[in-house]
Amino acid sequence: MALSAPAAPPATPDGPRTPDGPRPSDANTAYRLTKSLVSAALRRCYRVDVKGLAHVPELGPMVLASNHRSFMDSIFLALVTPRPITFIAKAEYWDSWRTAWMVRATGQIPLRRGSATGA
């Protein structure tokens, strides 16, 4: 007799689906709130031209790579991508109270550069 684990409920853009329906995590809630507050101001100040957005899948894993010319790249990627993005960010952002609250609340991943144990 073979036993198998029950199939996991399908994911949604807001996170994993539970038997009661989609339940966004606190990180997704903070991410979406931050995105909505920041995007209005940025769209007034900058003209953002997006190409290839149709290639971003609605569900499932993906890798989104940019040329990363400045800190603002991550902000603009989050602004124009319809689903939440988890970034690998330099660990120094967790060292300052000015940025630590935001990177923690939005579910980003710290990476200590220059250290094999930091990954």
Protein backbone atom coordinates (compact mmCIF):
# COMPACT_ATOMS: atom_id res chain seq x y z
CA MET A 1 0.00 0.00 0.00
CA ALA A 2 1.47 3.35 -1.03
CA LEU A 3 0.89 6.45 1.02
CA SER A 4 1.19 9.91 -0.37
CA ALA A 5 0.82 13.35 1.09
CA PRO A 6 -2.29 15.27 0.12
CA ALA A 7 -1.79 17.60 -2.79
CA ALA A 8 -0.93 21.14 -1.79
CA PRO A 9 -3.57 23.70 -2.68
CA PRO A 10 -2.61 25.78 -5.72
CA ALA A 11 -0.81 29.06 -5.18
CA THR A 12 -2.39 32.43 -5.88
CA PRO A 13 -0.72 35.77 -6.68
CA ASP A 14 -1.23 36.67 -3.00
CA GLY A 15 0.46 33.54 -1.65
CA PRO A 16 -0.50 29.96 -0.93
CA ARG A 17 -4.16 29.00 -1.08
CA THR A 18 -5.61 27.52 2.07
CA PRO A 19 -8.79 25.40 2.32
CA ASP A 20 -10.59 28.61 3.33
CA GLY A 21 -9.40 30.47 0.24
CA PRO A 22 -6.42 32.71 -0.49
CA ARG A 23 -4.75 34.10 2.59
CA PRO A 24 -2.02 36.68 1.90
CA SER A 25 0.90 36.70 4.29
CA ASP A 26 1.81 39.74 6.37
CA ALA A 27 4.77 40.28 4.02
CA ASN A 28 2.48 40.41 0.98
CA THR A 29 0.16 42.83 2.76
CA ALA A 30 3.05 45.14 3.69
CA TYR A 31 4.52 44.78 0.19
CA ARG A 32 1.27 45.75 -1.51
CA LEU A 33 0.65 48.66 0.87
CA THR A 34 4.17 50.01 0.36
CA LYS A 35 3.85 49.55 -3.40
CA SER A 36 0.56 51.43 -3.57
CA LEU A 37 1.86 54.35 -1.51
CA VAL A 38 5.17 54.68 -3.38
CA SER A 39 3.90 54.01 -6.90
CA ALA A 40 1.63 57.05 -7.11
CA ALA A 41 4.49 59.41 -6.27
CA LEU A 42 6.98 57.69 -8.56
CA ARG A 43 4.61 57.61 -11.52
CA ARG A 44 4.20 61.39 -11.21
CA CYS A 45 7.97 61.94 -11.18
CA TYR A 46 9.17 59.33 -13.67
CA ARG A 47 8.02 58.02 -17.01
CA VAL A 48 8.39 54.26 -16.83
CA ASP A 49 8.55 52.31 -20.10
CA VAL A 50 8.06 48.56 -19.67
CA LYS A 51 8.75 45.95 -22.33
CA GLY A 52 8.08 42.23 -21.98
CA LEU A 53 5.65 42.34 -19.06
CA ALA A 54 3.50 39.77 -20.86
CA HIS A 55 6.27 37.22 -20.25
CA VAL A 56 5.83 37.38 -16.46
CA PRO A 57 3.72 34.38 -15.42
CA GLU A 58 0.76 35.02 -13.12
CA LEU A 59 1.60 32.08 -10.85
CA GLY A 60 4.53 29.87 -10.03
CA PRO A 61 8.22 30.49 -9.59
CA MET A 62 10.20 32.81 -11.82
CA VAL A 63 13.55 34.53 -11.95
CA LEU A 64 13.48 38.19 -12.85
CA ALA A 65 16.89 39.64 -13.69
CA SER A 66 17.78 43.24 -14.37
CA ASN A 67 20.97 45.02 -15.26
CA HIS A 68 20.77 46.71 -11.81
CA ARG A 69 22.28 50.06 -12.60
CA SER A 70 21.17 51.65 -9.32
CA PHE A 71 19.23 51.12 -6.10
CA MET A 72 16.15 52.44 -7.90
CA ASP A 73 16.06 49.38 -10.21
CA SER A 74 14.52 47.26 -7.47
CA ILE A 75 11.94 49.93 -6.71
CA PHE A 76 10.92 50.29 -10.35
CA LEU A 77 10.79 46.50 -10.86
CA ALA A 78 8.41 46.21 -7.93
CA LEU A 79 6.40 49.16 -9.25
CA VAL A 80 5.72 47.70 -12.69
CA THR A 81 5.49 43.97 -11.93
CA PRO A 82 1.91 42.91 -11.12
CA ARG A 83 2.93 40.26 -8.57
CA PRO A 84 5.06 40.57 -5.42
CA ILE A 85 8.82 40.19 -5.87
CA THR A 86 11.20 38.87 -3.24
CA PHE A 87 14.63 40.42 -3.62
CA ILE A 88 17.99 39.24 -2.39
CA ALA A 89 19.31 42.44 -0.85
CA LYS A 90 22.55 43.44 0.79
CA ALA A 91 22.44 42.61 4.50
CA GLU A 92 23.43 46.16 5.42
CA TYR A 93 19.80 47.19 4.85
CA TRP A 94 18.91 45.14 7.96
CA ASP A 95 21.57 47.00 10.00
CA SER A 96 19.89 50.43 9.81
CA TRP A 97 16.53 51.19 11.43
CA ARG A 98 15.77 53.49 8.47
CA THR A 99 15.59 50.57 6.05
CA ALA A 100 15.34 47.45 8.25
CA TRP A 101 11.61 47.83 8.94
CA MET A 102 10.77 47.94 5.23
CA VAL A 103 12.93 45.04 4.06
CA ARG A 104 11.68 42.86 6.93
CA ALA A 105 8.02 43.83 6.46
CA THR A 106 8.09 43.14 2.72
CA GLY A 107 9.80 39.75 3.05
CA GLN A 108 13.15 40.44 1.39
CA ILE A 109 16.18 38.13 1.85
CA PRO A 110 19.46 39.43 3.33
CA LEU A 111 22.82 38.55 1.75
CA ARG A 112 26.09 39.47 3.44
CA ARG A 113 28.47 40.28 0.60
CA GLY A 114 32.09 39.14 0.71
CA SER A 115 31.34 36.21 3.01
CA ALA A 116 30.81 32.59 2.01
CA THR A 117 28.70 32.10 5.15
CA GLY A 118 26.56 35.12 4.34
CA ALA A 119 24.72 33.38 1.56
